[in-house]
Amino acid sequence: MGRWRPPREKGSKYITPEGARKLTEELQYLWEVERPDVTNRVAEAAAQGDRSENAEYIYGKKRLREIDSRIRFLRKRFDGITVVDHIPDDQDIVYFGAFVTLEDIEEGDEIEYRIVGPDEFNVVDGKLSMDSPLGKALLGKRVDDEIKISAPKGEKAFYILKIRYLEKQ
């Protein structure tokens, strides 16, 4: 039996200016700092002789492949990506980049999420991917709308309490 997996659905090509800046910084760091450092360490390890039993050489080459893979991914991802840096005309509707305050109907807890692209989501930091079930359910909704999503522990329901956008800087 092979290890074939069906191709994953491609994520949305939208990103916030902050997310684009972070990805650019990561690419720059990998290309200008980490890759040259690892390359030098691999060259030094290779100069020591027998490479087949040289752990520094083997793990350095492995790390170099990981760095190159990430660099290729980031460069490819930047092709066609759209940086959304404008505020929508109708700020009463949830669009990409919105900060949305929700109330969990069952538990009564309030939580705020920012709708972001798949490259920058981090639920712990309150950044929700627009491709996630909750993100998809929120897009196009207004204050006081009720949202229902299927969760692993059953159906969850939320009310939208507030929608806001960052002012352009």
N, C-alpha and C. Protein backbone atom coordinates (compact mmCIF):
# COMPACT_ATOMS: atom_id res chain seq x y z
N MET A 1 0.84 -1.18 0.00
CA MET A 1 0.00 0.00 0.00
C MET A 1 0.89 1.24 0.00
N GLY A 2 0.59 2.18 -0.86
CA GLY A 2 1.39 3.40 -1.00
C GLY A 2 1.02 4.45 0.04
N ARG A 3 1.77 5.51 0.00
CA ARG A 3 1.55 6.62 0.92
C ARG A 3 0.84 7.77 0.23
N TRP A 4 0.15 7.49 -0.86
CA TRP A 4 -0.51 8.54 -1.61
C TRP A 4 -1.62 9.17 -0.79
N ARG A 5 -1.68 10.47 -0.84
CA ARG A 5 -2.76 11.20 -0.19
C ARG A 5 -3.36 12.14 -1.21
N PRO A 6 -4.65 12.35 -1.15
CA PRO A 6 -5.24 13.29 -2.12
C PRO A 6 -4.69 14.69 -1.87
N PRO A 7 -4.59 15.50 -2.91
CA PRO A 7 -4.06 16.85 -2.72
C PRO A 7 -4.96 17.67 -1.80
N ARG A 8 -4.30 18.50 -0.97
CA ARG A 8 -5.06 19.34 -0.05
C ARG A 8 -5.67 20.50 -0.82
N GLU A 9 -6.79 20.96 -0.33
CA GLU A 9 -7.42 22.14 -0.91
C GLU A 9 -6.51 23.34 -0.65
N LYS A 10 -6.29 24.14 -1.68
CA LYS A 10 -5.42 25.29 -1.51
C LYS A 10 -6.10 26.34 -0.64
N GLY A 11 -5.30 26.97 0.22
CA GLY A 11 -5.81 28.01 1.08
C GLY A 11 -6.07 29.29 0.30
N SER A 12 -6.82 30.17 0.90
CA SER A 12 -7.11 31.46 0.29
C SER A 12 -5.82 32.24 0.08
N LYS A 13 -5.80 33.08 -0.91
CA LYS A 13 -4.61 33.85 -1.24
C LYS A 13 -4.65 35.26 -0.64
N TYR A 14 -5.28 35.43 0.50
CA TYR A 14 -5.35 36.73 1.15
C TYR A 14 -4.49 36.73 2.40
N ILE A 15 -3.92 37.91 2.69
CA ILE A 15 -3.08 38.05 3.87
C ILE A 15 -3.15 39.51 4.34
N THR A 16 -3.02 39.70 5.64
CA THR A 16 -3.01 41.05 6.18
C THR A 16 -1.60 41.64 5.99
N PRO A 17 -1.46 42.96 6.06
CA PRO A 17 -0.12 43.55 5.94
C PRO A 17 0.84 43.02 7.01
N GLU A 18 0.33 42.81 8.24
CA GLU A 18 1.18 42.27 9.31
C GLU A 18 1.64 40.86 8.98
N GLY A 19 0.75 40.04 8.45
CA GLY A 19 1.10 38.67 8.07
C GLY A 19 2.11 38.64 6.95
N ALA A 20 1.94 39.51 5.97
CA ALA A 20 2.89 39.59 4.85
C ALA A 20 4.26 40.01 5.35
N ARG A 21 4.29 40.95 6.30
CA ARG A 21 5.56 41.41 6.85
C ARG A 21 6.26 40.26 7.59
N LYS A 22 5.51 39.48 8.37
CA LYS A 22 6.11 38.36 9.10
C LYS A 22 6.67 37.30 8.15
N LEU A 23 5.92 36.97 7.10
CA LEU A 23 6.41 35.97 6.14
C LEU A 23 7.64 36.48 5.41
N THR A 24 7.66 37.77 5.07
CA THR A 24 8.82 38.36 4.41
C THR A 24 10.04 38.31 5.32
N GLU A 25 9.83 38.65 6.59
CA GLU A 25 10.93 38.59 7.56
C GLU A 25 11.45 37.18 7.74
N GLU A 26 10.53 36.19 7.77
CA GLU A 26 10.96 34.79 7.90
C GLU A 26 11.78 34.37 6.69
N LEU A 27 11.31 34.71 5.50
CA LEU A 27 12.04 34.36 4.28
C LEU A 27 13.42 35.00 4.27
N GLN A 28 13.48 36.26 4.63
CA GLN A 28 14.75 36.99 4.67
C GLN A 28 15.70 36.37 5.69
N TYR A 29 15.19 36.02 6.87
CA TYR A 29 16.03 35.41 7.91
C TYR A 29 16.57 34.05 7.44
N LEU A 30 15.70 33.23 6.88
CA LEU A 30 16.14 31.91 6.42
C LEU A 30 17.20 32.04 5.33
N TRP A 31 16.98 32.96 4.38
CA TRP A 31 17.89 33.08 3.24
C TRP A 31 19.21 33.75 3.60
N GLU A 32 19.15 34.79 4.43
CA GLU A 32 20.35 35.59 4.69
C GLU A 32 21.11 35.20 5.95
N VAL A 33 20.45 34.56 6.91
CA VAL A 33 21.11 34.25 8.18
C VAL A 33 21.26 32.75 8.39
N GLU A 34 20.12 32.05 8.47
CA GLU A 34 20.18 30.64 8.86
C GLU A 34 20.81 29.75 7.79
N ARG A 35 20.44 29.93 6.53
CA ARG A 35 20.99 29.07 5.49
C ARG A 35 22.51 29.20 5.37
N PRO A 36 23.07 30.42 5.33
CA PRO A 36 24.53 30.52 5.27
C PRO A 36 25.22 29.91 6.49
N ASP A 37 24.62 30.07 7.67
CA ASP A 37 25.19 29.50 8.89
C ASP A 37 25.23 27.97 8.83
N VAL A 38 24.11 27.37 8.43
CA VAL A 38 24.06 25.90 8.33
C VAL A 38 24.98 25.41 7.23
N THR A 39 25.05 26.13 6.13
CA THR A 39 25.95 25.75 5.03
C THR A 39 27.40 25.73 5.50
N ASN A 40 27.80 26.74 6.26
CA ASN A 40 29.18 26.78 6.80
C ASN A 40 29.43 25.61 7.74
N ARG A 41 28.46 25.30 8.60
CA ARG A 41 28.65 24.18 9.53
C ARG A 41 28.74 22.85 8.79
N VAL A 42 27.95 22.69 7.72
CA VAL A 42 28.02 21.46 6.93
C VAL A 42 29.38 21.36 6.24
N ALA A 43 29.87 22.47 5.71
CA ALA A 43 31.18 22.47 5.04
C ALA A 43 32.29 22.10 6.03
N GLU A 44 32.22 22.65 7.24
CA GLU A 44 33.22 22.32 8.27
C GLU A 44 33.15 20.84 8.65
N ALA A 45 31.92 20.33 8.78
CA ALA A 45 31.76 18.91 9.13
C ALA A 45 32.26 18.02 8.00
N ALA A 46 32.02 18.43 6.75
CA ALA A 46 32.48 17.63 5.61
C ALA A 46 34.00 17.60 5.54
N ALA A 47 34.64 18.66 5.97
CA ALA A 47 36.11 18.74 5.93
C ALA A 47 36.76 17.79 6.93
N GLN A 48 35.99 17.30 7.88
CA GLN A 48 36.54 16.41 8.91
C GLN A 48 36.77 14.99 8.41
N GLY A 49 36.28 14.69 7.23
CA GLY A 49 36.56 13.36 6.70
C GLY A 49 35.31 12.54 6.50
N ASP A 50 35.29 11.30 7.01
CA ASP A 50 34.24 10.31 6.79
C ASP A 50 32.85 10.89 7.07
N ARG A 51 32.10 11.09 6.02
CA ARG A 51 30.77 11.71 6.15
C ARG A 51 29.70 10.71 6.57
N SER A 52 29.92 9.45 6.35
CA SER A 52 28.88 8.45 6.63
C SER A 52 28.59 8.32 8.12
N GLU A 53 29.55 8.63 8.96
CA GLU A 53 29.33 8.52 10.41
C GLU A 53 29.46 9.87 11.11
N ASN A 54 29.39 10.94 10.35
CA ASN A 54 29.54 12.28 10.88
C ASN A 54 28.15 12.86 11.15
N ALA A 55 27.74 12.86 12.40
CA ALA A 55 26.38 13.30 12.77
C ALA A 55 26.16 14.77 12.42
N GLU A 56 27.15 15.60 12.64
CA GLU A 56 27.01 17.02 12.32
C GLU A 56 26.73 17.22 10.84
N TYR A 57 27.43 16.45 10.01
CA TYR A 57 27.23 16.56 8.57
C TYR A 57 25.83 16.06 8.19
N ILE A 58 25.44 14.91 8.70
CA ILE A 58 24.15 14.31 8.35
C ILE A 58 22.99 15.21 8.79
N TYR A 59 23.03 15.67 10.03
CA TYR A 59 21.93 16.51 10.52
C TYR A 59 21.96 17.91 9.92
N GLY A 60 23.16 18.39 9.59
CA GLY A 60 23.27 19.67 8.91
C GLY A 60 22.65 19.63 7.52
N LYS A 61 22.91 18.55 6.79
CA LYS A 61 22.31 18.38 5.46
C LYS A 61 20.79 18.27 5.56
N LYS A 62 20.33 17.58 6.59
CA LYS A 62 18.88 17.45 6.80
C LYS A 62 18.26 18.82 7.07
N ARG A 63 18.90 19.61 7.93
CA ARG A 63 18.39 20.95 8.25
C ARG A 63 18.43 21.85 7.02
N LEU A 64 19.45 21.70 6.21
CA LEU A 64 19.56 22.48 4.97
C LEU A 64 18.40 22.16 4.03
N ARG A 65 18.04 20.88 3.92
CA ARG A 65 16.89 20.49 3.09
C ARG A 65 15.60 21.11 3.64
N GLU A 66 15.44 21.12 4.98
CA GLU A 66 14.24 21.71 5.58
C GLU A 66 14.18 23.21 5.29
N ILE A 67 15.30 23.90 5.43
CA ILE A 67 15.35 25.34 5.16
C ILE A 67 15.02 25.61 3.69
N ASP A 68 15.63 24.86 2.79
CA ASP A 68 15.37 25.05 1.36
C ASP A 68 13.91 24.78 1.01
N SER A 69 13.35 23.78 1.64
CA SER A 69 11.94 23.47 1.41
C SER A 69 11.05 24.62 1.86
N ARG A 70 11.32 25.18 3.01
CA ARG A 70 10.53 26.30 3.53
C ARG A 70 10.71 27.54 2.65
N ILE A 71 11.92 27.78 2.20
CA ILE A 71 12.17 28.93 1.31
C ILE A 71 11.38 28.77 0.01
N ARG A 72 11.41 27.57 -0.58
CA ARG A 72 10.64 27.32 -1.80
C ARG A 72 9.16 27.54 -1.57
N PHE A 73 8.65 27.02 -0.43
CA PHE A 73 7.24 27.19 -0.11
C PHE A 73 6.88 28.67 0.01
N LEU A 74 7.67 29.44 0.75
CA LEU A 74 7.37 30.86 0.96
C LEU A 74 7.42 31.64 -0.36
N ARG A 75 8.42 31.37 -1.18
CA ARG A 75 8.51 32.07 -2.47
C ARG A 75 7.33 31.74 -3.37
N LYS A 76 6.96 30.47 -3.38
CA LYS A 76 5.82 30.04 -4.19
C LYS A 76 4.52 30.65 -3.65
N ARG A 77 4.41 30.73 -2.34
CA ARG A 77 3.21 31.27 -1.71
C ARG A 77 3.04 32.76 -2.01
N PHE A 78 4.13 33.49 -2.13
CA PHE A 78 4.05 34.92 -2.42
C PHE A 78 3.54 35.19 -3.82
N ASP A 79 3.67 34.21 -4.74
CA ASP A 79 3.14 34.39 -6.09
C ASP A 79 1.62 34.42 -6.04
N GLY A 80 1.04 35.52 -6.45
CA GLY A 80 -0.41 35.61 -6.52
C GLY A 80 -1.10 35.94 -5.21
N ILE A 81 -0.34 36.14 -4.15
CA ILE A 81 -0.96 36.45 -2.86
C ILE A 81 -1.43 37.91 -2.87
N THR A 82 -2.54 38.17 -2.21
CA THR A 82 -3.11 39.52 -2.17
C THR A 82 -3.05 40.06 -0.76
N VAL A 83 -2.35 41.18 -0.59
CA VAL A 83 -2.29 41.85 0.71
C VAL A 83 -3.50 42.76 0.80
N VAL A 84 -4.37 42.47 1.78
CA VAL A 84 -5.59 43.26 1.96
C VAL A 84 -5.29 44.34 2.99
N ASP A 85 -5.16 45.57 2.50
CA ASP A 85 -4.79 46.67 3.40
C ASP A 85 -5.82 47.80 3.39
N HIS A 86 -7.02 47.50 2.95
CA HIS A 86 -8.06 48.53 2.94
C HIS A 86 -9.24 48.09 3.81
N ILE A 87 -9.96 49.09 4.28
CA ILE A 87 -11.14 48.85 5.12
C ILE A 87 -12.36 48.84 4.20
N PRO A 88 -13.26 47.88 4.38
CA PRO A 88 -14.44 47.85 3.51
C PRO A 88 -15.35 49.06 3.74
N ASP A 89 -16.12 49.40 2.72
CA ASP A 89 -17.04 50.52 2.83
C ASP A 89 -18.11 50.26 3.88
N ASP A 90 -18.66 49.05 3.90
CA ASP A 90 -19.70 48.70 4.87
C ASP A 90 -19.04 47.97 6.03
N GLN A 91 -18.75 48.68 7.11
CA GLN A 91 -18.06 48.11 8.26
C GLN A 91 -19.00 47.40 9.22
N ASP A 92 -20.26 47.24 8.84
CA ASP A 92 -21.22 46.51 9.68
C ASP A 92 -21.29 45.03 9.30
N ILE A 93 -20.51 44.64 8.29
CA ILE A 93 -20.49 43.25 7.82
C ILE A 93 -19.10 42.68 8.06
N VAL A 94 -19.03 41.39 8.39
CA VAL A 94 -17.75 40.73 8.63
C VAL A 94 -17.10 40.40 7.28
N TYR A 95 -15.94 41.01 7.06
CA TYR A 95 -15.10 40.73 5.90
C TYR A 95 -13.72 40.33 6.40
N PHE A 96 -12.85 39.99 5.46
CA PHE A 96 -11.46 39.67 5.80
C PHE A 96 -10.84 40.83 6.57
N GLY A 97 -10.12 40.51 7.64
CA GLY A 97 -9.44 41.52 8.44
C GLY A 97 -10.26 42.06 9.60
N ALA A 98 -11.52 41.68 9.69
CA ALA A 98 -12.39 42.19 10.75
C ALA A 98 -12.04 41.57 12.10
N PHE A 99 -12.21 42.37 13.16
CA PHE A 99 -12.16 41.87 14.53
C PHE A 99 -13.60 41.62 14.92
N VAL A 100 -13.91 40.38 15.30
CA VAL A 100 -15.29 40.02 15.61
C VAL A 100 -15.36 39.53 17.05
N THR A 101 -16.23 40.15 17.85
CA THR A 101 -16.46 39.71 19.22
C THR A 101 -17.68 38.81 19.22
N LEU A 102 -17.49 37.59 19.72
CA LEU A 102 -18.56 36.59 19.74
C LEU A 102 -18.93 36.24 21.17
N GLU A 103 -20.18 35.82 21.35
CA GLU A 103 -20.63 35.29 22.63
C GLU A 103 -21.02 33.84 22.41
N ASP A 104 -20.40 32.95 23.18
CA ASP A 104 -20.76 31.54 23.15
C ASP A 104 -22.12 31.41 23.83
N ILE A 105 -23.13 31.00 23.09
CA ILE A 105 -24.50 30.97 23.63
C ILE A 105 -24.62 30.02 24.81
N GLU A 106 -23.99 28.85 24.74
CA GLU A 106 -24.07 27.87 25.82
C GLU A 106 -23.39 28.33 27.09
N GLU A 107 -22.16 28.81 26.96
CA GLU A 107 -21.35 29.13 28.13
C GLU A 107 -21.38 30.61 28.51
N GLY A 108 -21.82 31.46 27.61
CA GLY A 108 -21.89 32.89 27.90
C GLY A 108 -20.55 33.61 27.83
N ASP A 109 -19.50 32.93 27.40
CA ASP A 109 -18.17 33.53 27.30
C ASP A 109 -18.08 34.43 26.07
N GLU A 110 -17.32 35.51 26.21
CA GLU A 110 -17.04 36.38 25.07
C GLU A 110 -15.62 36.12 24.59
N ILE A 111 -15.46 36.13 23.28
CA ILE A 111 -14.14 35.94 22.70
C ILE A 111 -14.04 36.79 21.43
N GLU A 112 -12.83 37.33 21.18
CA GLU A 112 -12.63 38.14 19.98
C GLU A 112 -11.65 37.44 19.05
N TYR A 113 -12.01 37.40 17.78
CA TYR A 113 -11.15 36.83 16.76
C TYR A 113 -10.94 37.86 15.66
N ARG A 114 -9.80 37.77 15.01
CA ARG A 114 -9.58 38.55 13.79
C ARG A 114 -9.59 37.56 12.64
N ILE A 115 -10.32 37.87 11.59
CA ILE A 115 -10.40 37.01 10.42
C ILE A 115 -9.16 37.27 9.56
N VAL A 116 -8.32 36.26 9.41
CA VAL A 116 -7.06 36.39 8.68
C VAL A 116 -6.93 35.25 7.67
N GLY A 117 -5.85 35.28 6.90
CA GLY A 117 -5.60 34.25 5.90
C GLY A 117 -5.02 32.99 6.51
N PRO A 118 -4.97 31.91 5.75
CA PRO A 118 -4.49 30.64 6.27
C PRO A 118 -3.01 30.63 6.64
N ASP A 119 -2.24 31.60 6.15
CA ASP A 119 -0.80 31.64 6.46
C ASP A 119 -0.50 32.26 7.81
N GLU A 120 -1.47 32.91 8.41
CA GLU A 120 -1.18 33.65 9.64
C GLU A 120 -2.11 33.31 10.81
N PHE A 121 -2.98 32.31 10.63
CA PHE A 121 -3.92 32.03 11.71
C PHE A 121 -3.21 31.45 12.94
N ASN A 122 -3.73 31.80 14.10
CA ASN A 122 -3.25 31.29 15.38
C ASN A 122 -4.37 31.54 16.39
N VAL A 123 -5.16 30.53 16.66
CA VAL A 123 -6.34 30.69 17.49
C VAL A 123 -5.98 31.17 18.89
N VAL A 124 -4.83 30.76 19.40
CA VAL A 124 -4.39 31.20 20.73
C VAL A 124 -4.22 32.72 20.76
N ASP A 125 -3.73 33.30 19.66
CA ASP A 125 -3.56 34.75 19.57
C ASP A 125 -4.81 35.47 19.08
N GLY A 126 -5.90 34.72 18.88
CA GLY A 126 -7.15 35.33 18.43
C GLY A 126 -7.20 35.57 16.94
N LYS A 127 -6.39 34.85 16.16
CA LYS A 127 -6.40 34.99 14.71
C LYS A 127 -7.04 33.75 14.11
N LEU A 128 -8.17 33.94 13.47
CA LEU A 128 -8.98 32.85 12.94
C LEU A 128 -8.89 32.84 11.42
N SER A 129 -8.58 31.69 10.85
CA SER A 129 -8.47 31.58 9.40
C SER A 129 -9.83 31.73 8.75
N MET A 130 -9.85 32.46 7.64
CA MET A 130 -11.09 32.63 6.90
C MET A 130 -11.52 31.31 6.26
N ASP A 131 -10.62 30.33 6.18
CA ASP A 131 -10.94 29.03 5.61
C ASP A 131 -11.45 28.03 6.64
N SER A 132 -11.40 28.39 7.93
CA SER A 132 -11.88 27.49 8.98
C SER A 132 -13.41 27.49 8.98
N PRO A 133 -14.03 26.47 9.57
CA PRO A 133 -15.50 26.44 9.60
C PRO A 133 -16.11 27.68 10.25
N LEU A 134 -15.55 28.12 11.38
CA LEU A 134 -16.09 29.31 12.04
C LEU A 134 -15.82 30.56 11.20
N GLY A 135 -14.63 30.65 10.61
CA GLY A 135 -14.30 31.79 9.75
C GLY A 135 -15.25 31.88 8.56
N LYS A 136 -15.52 30.75 7.92
CA LYS A 136 -16.45 30.74 6.79
C LYS A 136 -17.86 31.14 7.23
N ALA A 137 -18.25 30.66 8.41
CA ALA A 137 -19.60 30.98 8.91
C ALA A 137 -19.74 32.46 9.25
N LEU A 138 -18.65 33.10 9.67
CA LEU A 138 -18.71 34.50 10.07
C LEU A 138 -18.74 35.46 8.88
N LEU A 139 -18.08 35.11 7.80
CA LEU A 139 -17.98 36.03 6.66
C LEU A 139 -19.37 36.39 6.13
N GLY A 140 -19.59 37.69 5.99
CA GLY A 140 -20.85 38.18 5.46
C GLY A 140 -21.94 38.41 6.50
N LYS A 141 -21.65 38.10 7.76
CA LYS A 141 -22.66 38.25 8.83
C LYS A 141 -22.57 39.65 9.44
N ARG A 142 -23.61 39.97 10.25
CA ARG A 142 -23.72 41.27 10.91
C ARG A 142 -23.86 41.09 12.42
N VAL A 143 -23.79 42.21 13.14
CA VAL A 143 -23.99 42.20 14.59
C VAL A 143 -25.38 41.63 14.89
N ASP A 144 -25.47 40.84 15.94
CA ASP A 144 -26.69 40.16 16.40
C ASP A 144 -27.07 38.94 15.58
N ASP A 145 -26.29 38.60 14.55
CA ASP A 145 -26.55 37.36 13.82
C ASP A 145 -26.10 36.18 14.67
N GLU A 146 -26.78 35.05 14.51
CA GLU A 146 -26.41 33.82 15.21
C GLU A 146 -25.71 32.90 14.23
N ILE A 147 -24.60 32.33 14.68
CA ILE A 147 -23.81 31.42 13.86
C ILE A 147 -23.80 30.06 14.52
N LYS A 148 -24.02 29.01 13.74
CA LYS A 148 -23.94 27.64 14.25
C LYS A 148 -22.91 26.88 13.42
N ILE A 149 -22.03 26.16 14.14
CA ILE A 149 -21.04 25.34 13.46
C ILE A 149 -20.99 23.97 14.11
N SER A 150 -20.54 22.98 13.36
CA SER A 150 -20.34 21.63 13.91
C SER A 150 -18.95 21.57 14.49
N ALA A 151 -18.87 21.16 15.76
CA ALA A 151 -17.59 21.02 16.45
C ALA A 151 -17.44 19.56 16.87
N PRO A 152 -16.23 19.14 17.24
CA PRO A 152 -16.03 17.75 17.66
C PRO A 152 -16.94 17.34 18.84
N LYS A 153 -17.27 18.29 19.69
CA LYS A 153 -18.10 17.98 20.86
C LYS A 153 -19.58 18.30 20.60
N GLY A 154 -19.95 18.46 19.35
CA GLY A 154 -21.34 18.76 19.02
C GLY A 154 -21.46 20.13 18.39
N GLU A 155 -22.69 20.55 18.17
CA GLU A 155 -22.92 21.84 17.54
C GLU A 155 -22.67 22.99 18.51
N LYS A 156 -22.02 24.05 18.03
CA LYS A 156 -21.76 25.25 18.83
C LYS A 156 -22.50 26.42 18.18
N ALA A 157 -23.00 27.31 19.04
CA ALA A 157 -23.72 28.48 18.54
C ALA A 157 -23.12 29.74 19.16
N PHE A 158 -23.04 30.79 18.36
CA PHE A 158 -22.46 32.06 18.78
C PHE A 158 -23.34 33.21 18.30
N TYR A 159 -23.32 34.31 19.06
CA TYR A 159 -23.90 35.58 18.63
C TYR A 159 -22.75 36.52 18.29
N ILE A 160 -22.94 37.32 17.28
CA ILE A 160 -21.95 38.36 16.97
C ILE A 160 -22.31 39.58 17.78
N LEU A 161 -21.40 39.99 18.66
CA LEU A 161 -21.64 41.15 19.52
C LEU A 161 -21.09 42.44 18.93
N LYS A 162 -19.92 42.35 18.27
CA LYS A 162 -19.27 43.56 17.79
C LYS A 162 -18.39 43.24 16.59
N ILE A 163 -18.31 44.18 15.65
CA ILE A 163 -17.43 44.07 14.48
C ILE A 163 -16.65 45.37 14.39
N ARG A 164 -15.32 45.25 14.25
CA ARG A 164 -14.51 46.46 14.08
C ARG A 164 -13.34 46.15 13.15
N TYR A 165 -12.79 47.21 12.60
CA TYR A 165 -11.66 47.10 11.68
C TYR A 165 -10.55 48.02 12.15
N LEU A 166 -9.30 47.65 11.85
CA LEU A 166 -8.16 48.51 12.14
C LEU A 166 -8.13 49.67 11.16
N GLU A 167 -7.82 50.83 11.67
CA GLU A 167 -7.64 51.98 10.78
C GLU A 167 -6.32 51.81 10.04
N LYS A 168 -6.26 52.27 8.82
CA LYS A 168 -5.03 52.17 8.02
C LYS A 168 -3.92 53.00 8.66
N GLN A 169 -2.72 52.43 8.73
CA GLN A 169 -1.61 53.12 9.38
C GLN A 169 -0.66 53.72 8.40
